[in-house]
Amino acid sequence: MNDVQLLYIPVPDVRAGKKLAQSALAAKLAACANLFPPGLSLYEWKGELCEASEQVLLLKTLPGKADDLEAMVLAEHPYDCPCVLRLPPAQANEAFFQWLSGEVGGGERPHLGMGDI
């Protein structure tokens, strides 16, 4: 099976998202990160209705790396109570799965150009 684990993580800004993504990539806990443009988040915090501009960081990894990746994100995230949602494992196409496995799984890394993924 070509299961890929996705983690959805709101962050306060591009800088915080890039820092988390770079840490995850450097530790080989994620193979790829996407940082989506700012959006408006509405939530209640300590009894107050709040609004904040946030970005969404999406990290892609193998299910077996998700616990360690989540622990790293929770340790480095700038929020007191960060949201880290693990989406249900998704099936990836074979070429992408092989590349991702090589990046985080320690196996062979096939040479894939961006046009190949």
N, C-alpha and C. Protein backbone atom coordinates (compact mmCIF):
# COMPACT_ATOMS: atom_id res chain seq x y z
N MET A 1 0.84 -1.18 0.00
CA MET A 1 0.00 0.00 0.00
C MET A 1 0.89 1.24 0.00
N ASN A 2 0.43 2.26 -0.66
CA ASN A 2 1.18 3.51 -0.79
C ASN A 2 0.60 4.58 0.13
N ASP A 3 0.46 4.27 1.42
CA ASP A 3 -0.12 5.21 2.37
C ASP A 3 0.81 6.37 2.67
N VAL A 4 0.25 7.57 2.61
CA VAL A 4 0.95 8.80 2.97
C VAL A 4 0.13 9.47 4.07
N GLN A 5 0.82 9.92 5.11
CA GLN A 5 0.16 10.62 6.22
C GLN A 5 0.30 12.13 6.02
N LEU A 6 -0.81 12.84 6.13
CA LEU A 6 -0.82 14.29 6.00
C LEU A 6 -1.10 14.91 7.36
N LEU A 7 -0.33 15.93 7.73
CA LEU A 7 -0.57 16.68 8.95
C LEU A 7 -0.94 18.10 8.58
N TYR A 8 -2.07 18.55 9.11
CA TYR A 8 -2.60 19.90 8.90
C TYR A 8 -2.26 20.72 10.13
N ILE A 9 -1.54 21.84 9.93
CA ILE A 9 -1.03 22.62 11.06
C ILE A 9 -1.19 24.12 10.78
N PRO A 10 -2.13 24.80 11.44
CA PRO A 10 -2.19 26.26 11.31
C PRO A 10 -0.98 26.91 12.00
N VAL A 11 -0.45 27.95 11.38
CA VAL A 11 0.70 28.68 11.91
C VAL A 11 0.41 30.18 11.80
N PRO A 12 1.06 30.99 12.63
CA PRO A 12 0.74 32.42 12.63
C PRO A 12 1.21 33.18 11.39
N ASP A 13 2.28 32.71 10.74
CA ASP A 13 2.81 33.45 9.60
C ASP A 13 3.76 32.56 8.79
N VAL A 14 4.23 33.09 7.66
CA VAL A 14 5.12 32.35 6.78
C VAL A 14 6.41 31.94 7.50
N ARG A 15 6.96 32.85 8.28
CA ARG A 15 8.21 32.55 8.97
C ARG A 15 8.09 31.33 9.88
N ALA A 16 7.03 31.27 10.67
CA ALA A 16 6.82 30.14 11.58
C ALA A 16 6.59 28.86 10.78
N GLY A 17 5.83 28.95 9.70
CA GLY A 17 5.58 27.77 8.86
C GLY A 17 6.84 27.25 8.21
N LYS A 18 7.66 28.16 7.69
CA LYS A 18 8.91 27.75 7.06
C LYS A 18 9.86 27.12 8.07
N LYS A 19 9.91 27.68 9.27
CA LYS A 19 10.79 27.14 10.30
C LYS A 19 10.39 25.71 10.67
N LEU A 20 9.09 25.47 10.87
CA LEU A 20 8.62 24.12 11.18
C LEU A 20 8.89 23.17 10.01
N ALA A 21 8.61 23.63 8.80
CA ALA A 21 8.83 22.80 7.61
C ALA A 21 10.31 22.44 7.46
N GLN A 22 11.18 23.42 7.62
CA GLN A 22 12.61 23.16 7.48
C GLN A 22 13.11 22.19 8.55
N SER A 23 12.61 22.31 9.77
CA SER A 23 12.99 21.37 10.83
C SER A 23 12.54 19.96 10.49
N ALA A 24 11.31 19.83 10.01
CA ALA A 24 10.78 18.52 9.66
C ALA A 24 11.55 17.88 8.51
N LEU A 25 11.89 18.69 7.51
CA LEU A 25 12.64 18.18 6.37
C LEU A 25 14.06 17.80 6.77
N ALA A 26 14.70 18.64 7.55
CA ALA A 26 16.08 18.37 7.98
C ALA A 26 16.16 17.10 8.83
N ALA A 27 15.13 16.84 9.63
CA ALA A 27 15.11 15.66 10.49
C ALA A 27 14.63 14.41 9.74
N LYS A 28 14.30 14.55 8.46
CA LYS A 28 13.79 13.45 7.64
C LYS A 28 12.49 12.88 8.21
N LEU A 29 11.70 13.76 8.84
CA LEU A 29 10.40 13.35 9.36
C LEU A 29 9.28 13.66 8.38
N ALA A 30 9.53 14.55 7.44
CA ALA A 30 8.60 14.87 6.36
C ALA A 30 9.39 14.98 5.07
N ALA A 31 8.74 14.63 3.99
CA ALA A 31 9.40 14.71 2.69
C ALA A 31 9.01 15.97 1.94
N CYS A 32 7.88 16.54 2.31
CA CYS A 32 7.36 17.68 1.55
C CYS A 32 6.49 18.53 2.47
N ALA A 33 6.53 19.82 2.24
CA ALA A 33 5.69 20.75 3.00
C ALA A 33 5.04 21.73 2.04
N ASN A 34 3.80 22.06 2.31
CA ASN A 34 3.09 23.09 1.58
C ASN A 34 2.63 24.13 2.58
N LEU A 35 2.81 25.39 2.24
CA LEU A 35 2.37 26.49 3.08
C LEU A 35 1.37 27.31 2.28
N PHE A 36 0.14 27.34 2.76
CA PHE A 36 -0.94 27.99 2.02
C PHE A 36 -1.10 29.44 2.46
N PRO A 37 -1.63 30.28 1.58
CA PRO A 37 -1.75 31.71 1.87
C PRO A 37 -2.60 31.98 3.11
N PRO A 38 -2.44 33.19 3.65
CA PRO A 38 -3.18 33.54 4.86
C PRO A 38 -4.69 33.45 4.67
N GLY A 39 -5.33 33.08 5.74
CA GLY A 39 -6.78 33.06 5.81
C GLY A 39 -7.18 33.58 7.18
N LEU A 40 -8.45 33.78 7.36
CA LEU A 40 -8.96 34.28 8.62
C LEU A 40 -9.42 33.11 9.48
N SER A 41 -8.91 33.02 10.69
CA SER A 41 -9.34 32.01 11.65
C SER A 41 -10.16 32.68 12.74
N LEU A 42 -11.28 32.07 13.08
CA LEU A 42 -12.14 32.53 14.16
C LEU A 42 -12.20 31.41 15.19
N TYR A 43 -12.01 31.76 16.45
CA TYR A 43 -12.00 30.75 17.49
C TYR A 43 -12.21 31.40 18.85
N GLU A 44 -12.58 30.59 19.83
CA GLU A 44 -12.69 31.08 21.19
C GLU A 44 -11.45 30.64 21.95
N TRP A 45 -10.84 31.58 22.67
CA TRP A 45 -9.64 31.29 23.45
C TRP A 45 -9.76 31.98 24.80
N LYS A 46 -9.73 31.19 25.85
CA LYS A 46 -9.83 31.70 27.23
C LYS A 46 -11.04 32.60 27.41
N GLY A 47 -12.17 32.15 26.86
CA GLY A 47 -13.44 32.86 27.04
C GLY A 47 -13.68 34.03 26.11
N GLU A 48 -12.75 34.32 25.22
CA GLU A 48 -12.91 35.43 24.28
C GLU A 48 -12.99 34.94 22.85
N LEU A 49 -13.86 35.59 22.06
CA LEU A 49 -13.93 35.30 20.64
C LEU A 49 -12.76 36.01 19.97
N CYS A 50 -11.97 35.28 19.22
CA CYS A 50 -10.75 35.83 18.60
C CYS A 50 -10.79 35.67 17.09
N GLU A 51 -10.08 36.56 16.42
CA GLU A 51 -9.84 36.48 14.99
C GLU A 51 -8.35 36.61 14.77
N ALA A 52 -7.83 35.82 13.85
CA ALA A 52 -6.40 35.92 13.55
C ALA A 52 -6.15 35.53 12.11
N SER A 53 -5.16 36.15 11.53
CA SER A 53 -4.68 35.75 10.22
C SER A 53 -3.73 34.58 10.45
N GLU A 54 -3.97 33.47 9.77
CA GLU A 54 -3.11 32.29 9.90
C GLU A 54 -2.84 31.71 8.52
N GLN A 55 -1.77 30.97 8.44
CA GLN A 55 -1.44 30.19 7.26
C GLN A 55 -1.60 28.73 7.64
N VAL A 56 -1.72 27.88 6.65
CA VAL A 56 -1.83 26.45 6.90
C VAL A 56 -0.60 25.76 6.35
N LEU A 57 0.05 25.01 7.21
CA LEU A 57 1.19 24.17 6.84
C LEU A 57 0.67 22.75 6.69
N LEU A 58 0.97 22.12 5.57
CA LEU A 58 0.61 20.73 5.33
C LEU A 58 1.91 19.96 5.16
N LEU A 59 2.13 18.97 6.02
CA LEU A 59 3.34 18.14 5.94
C LEU A 59 2.97 16.75 5.49
N LYS A 60 3.80 16.17 4.61
CA LYS A 60 3.56 14.82 4.08
C LYS A 60 4.66 13.89 4.58
N THR A 61 4.24 12.74 5.11
CA THR A 61 5.18 11.77 5.64
C THR A 61 4.61 10.37 5.52
N LEU A 62 5.36 9.40 6.00
CA LEU A 62 4.87 8.02 6.09
C LEU A 62 4.15 7.85 7.42
N PRO A 63 3.12 7.00 7.48
CA PRO A 63 2.41 6.78 8.74
C PRO A 63 3.34 6.42 9.91
N GLY A 64 4.39 5.67 9.66
CA GLY A 64 5.31 5.27 10.72
C GLY A 64 6.16 6.41 11.27
N LYS A 65 6.20 7.54 10.58
CA LYS A 65 6.97 8.71 11.02
C LYS A 65 6.07 9.77 11.67
N ALA A 66 4.75 9.58 11.61
CA ALA A 66 3.82 10.61 12.04
C ALA A 66 3.93 10.95 13.52
N ASP A 67 4.14 9.96 14.39
CA ASP A 67 4.26 10.25 15.83
C ASP A 67 5.46 11.16 16.11
N ASP A 68 6.60 10.84 15.52
CA ASP A 68 7.80 11.65 15.73
C ASP A 68 7.65 13.04 15.12
N LEU A 69 7.01 13.12 13.95
CA LEU A 69 6.79 14.40 13.31
C LEU A 69 5.87 15.27 14.18
N GLU A 70 4.79 14.68 14.67
CA GLU A 70 3.87 15.44 15.52
C GLU A 70 4.58 15.94 16.78
N ALA A 71 5.38 15.09 17.40
CA ALA A 71 6.11 15.49 18.61
C ALA A 71 7.05 16.66 18.32
N MET A 72 7.75 16.62 17.18
CA MET A 72 8.63 17.71 16.81
C MET A 72 7.86 19.01 16.60
N VAL A 73 6.73 18.93 15.89
CA VAL A 73 5.92 20.11 15.63
C VAL A 73 5.41 20.70 16.95
N LEU A 74 4.91 19.86 17.83
CA LEU A 74 4.39 20.35 19.11
C LEU A 74 5.50 21.00 19.95
N ALA A 75 6.71 20.47 19.88
CA ALA A 75 7.82 21.04 20.65
C ALA A 75 8.28 22.38 20.09
N GLU A 76 8.18 22.57 18.77
CA GLU A 76 8.73 23.78 18.13
C GLU A 76 7.68 24.83 17.75
N HIS A 77 6.40 24.48 17.82
CA HIS A 77 5.34 25.39 17.38
C HIS A 77 5.27 26.60 18.32
N PRO A 78 5.06 27.81 17.77
CA PRO A 78 5.03 28.99 18.62
C PRO A 78 3.76 29.15 19.47
N TYR A 79 2.69 28.43 19.16
CA TYR A 79 1.45 28.57 19.93
C TYR A 79 1.51 27.77 21.23
N ASP A 80 0.77 28.23 22.23
CA ASP A 80 0.63 27.48 23.49
C ASP A 80 -0.15 26.19 23.30
N CYS A 81 -1.12 26.22 22.39
CA CYS A 81 -1.99 25.08 22.16
C CYS A 81 -2.13 24.86 20.64
N PRO A 82 -1.07 24.37 19.99
CA PRO A 82 -1.14 24.24 18.52
C PRO A 82 -2.11 23.13 18.08
N CYS A 83 -2.64 23.34 16.91
CA CYS A 83 -3.50 22.34 16.28
C CYS A 83 -2.64 21.51 15.33
N VAL A 84 -2.60 20.21 15.57
CA VAL A 84 -1.94 19.29 14.65
C VAL A 84 -2.96 18.20 14.35
N LEU A 85 -3.52 18.24 13.15
CA LEU A 85 -4.52 17.25 12.75
C LEU A 85 -3.90 16.27 11.77
N ARG A 86 -4.01 14.99 12.11
CA ARG A 86 -3.58 13.96 11.17
C ARG A 86 -4.79 13.56 10.35
N LEU A 87 -4.69 13.82 9.06
CA LEU A 87 -5.77 13.42 8.17
C LEU A 87 -5.66 11.91 7.93
N PRO A 88 -6.75 11.25 7.60
CA PRO A 88 -6.65 9.81 7.35
C PRO A 88 -5.60 9.53 6.28
N PRO A 89 -4.84 8.44 6.43
CA PRO A 89 -3.83 8.14 5.41
C PRO A 89 -4.46 8.12 4.02
N ALA A 90 -3.72 8.66 3.09
CA ALA A 90 -4.18 8.75 1.71
C ALA A 90 -3.30 7.88 0.82
N GLN A 91 -3.87 7.37 -0.24
CA GLN A 91 -3.11 6.58 -1.20
C GLN A 91 -2.43 7.53 -2.19
N ALA A 92 -1.13 7.39 -2.33
CA ALA A 92 -0.37 8.22 -3.26
C ALA A 92 -0.07 7.43 -4.53
N ASN A 93 0.16 8.17 -5.60
CA ASN A 93 0.60 7.50 -6.83
C ASN A 93 1.99 6.91 -6.59
N GLU A 94 2.33 5.89 -7.35
CA GLU A 94 3.55 5.10 -7.11
C GLU A 94 4.83 5.94 -7.14
N ALA A 95 4.99 6.79 -8.14
CA ALA A 95 6.22 7.58 -8.25
C ALA A 95 6.39 8.51 -7.05
N PHE A 96 5.32 9.19 -6.65
CA PHE A 96 5.41 10.10 -5.50
C PHE A 96 5.69 9.31 -4.23
N PHE A 97 5.01 8.19 -4.06
CA PHE A 97 5.23 7.37 -2.85
C PHE A 97 6.67 6.88 -2.77
N GLN A 98 7.24 6.46 -3.87
CA GLN A 98 8.63 6.00 -3.86
C GLN A 98 9.58 7.13 -3.49
N TRP A 99 9.33 8.32 -4.04
CA TRP A 99 10.16 9.48 -3.69
C TRP A 99 10.03 9.80 -2.20
N LEU A 100 8.79 9.89 -1.70
CA LEU A 100 8.55 10.21 -0.30
C LEU A 100 9.20 9.17 0.61
N SER A 101 9.05 7.90 0.28
CA SER A 101 9.65 6.82 1.08
C SER A 101 11.16 6.95 1.12
N GLY A 102 11.75 7.32 0.01
CA GLY A 102 13.20 7.51 -0.02
C GLY A 102 13.65 8.67 0.84
N GLU A 103 12.83 9.71 0.90
CA GLU A 103 13.19 10.89 1.70
C GLU A 103 13.07 10.65 3.20
N VAL A 104 12.01 10.01 3.63
CA VAL A 104 11.79 9.84 5.07
C VAL A 104 12.00 8.42 5.57
N GLY A 105 12.02 7.46 4.65
CA GLY A 105 12.13 6.07 5.06
C GLY A 105 13.54 5.53 5.09
N GLY A 106 14.48 6.31 4.59
CA GLY A 106 15.87 5.87 4.60
C GLY A 106 16.20 4.87 3.51
N GLY A 107 15.26 4.62 2.61
CA GLY A 107 15.52 3.67 1.53
C GLY A 107 16.17 4.35 0.34
N GLU A 108 16.18 3.66 -0.77
CA GLU A 108 16.74 4.21 -2.00
C GLU A 108 15.91 5.42 -2.43
N ARG A 109 16.59 6.43 -2.91
CA ARG A 109 15.92 7.61 -3.41
C ARG A 109 15.97 7.61 -4.93
N PRO A 110 14.85 7.31 -5.57
CA PRO A 110 14.85 7.33 -7.03
C PRO A 110 15.04 8.75 -7.54
N HIS A 111 15.70 8.87 -8.65
CA HIS A 111 15.90 10.19 -9.25
C HIS A 111 14.62 10.54 -9.99
N LEU A 112 13.90 11.52 -9.47
CA LEU A 112 12.67 11.96 -10.10
C LEU A 112 12.76 13.45 -10.31
N GLY A 113 12.59 13.88 -11.53
CA GLY A 113 12.48 15.30 -11.79
C GLY A 113 11.08 15.75 -11.41
N MET A 114 10.88 17.04 -11.21
CA MET A 114 9.56 17.53 -10.83
C MET A 114 8.51 17.16 -11.87
N GLY A 115 8.90 17.04 -13.11
CA GLY A 115 7.96 16.62 -14.14
C GLY A 115 7.57 15.16 -14.02
N ASP A 116 8.37 14.39 -13.27
CA ASP A 116 8.09 12.97 -13.09
C ASP A 116 7.12 12.71 -11.95
N ILE A 117 6.93 13.70 -11.07
CA ILE A 117 6.08 13.47 -9.89
C ILE A 117 4.66 13.83 -10.18
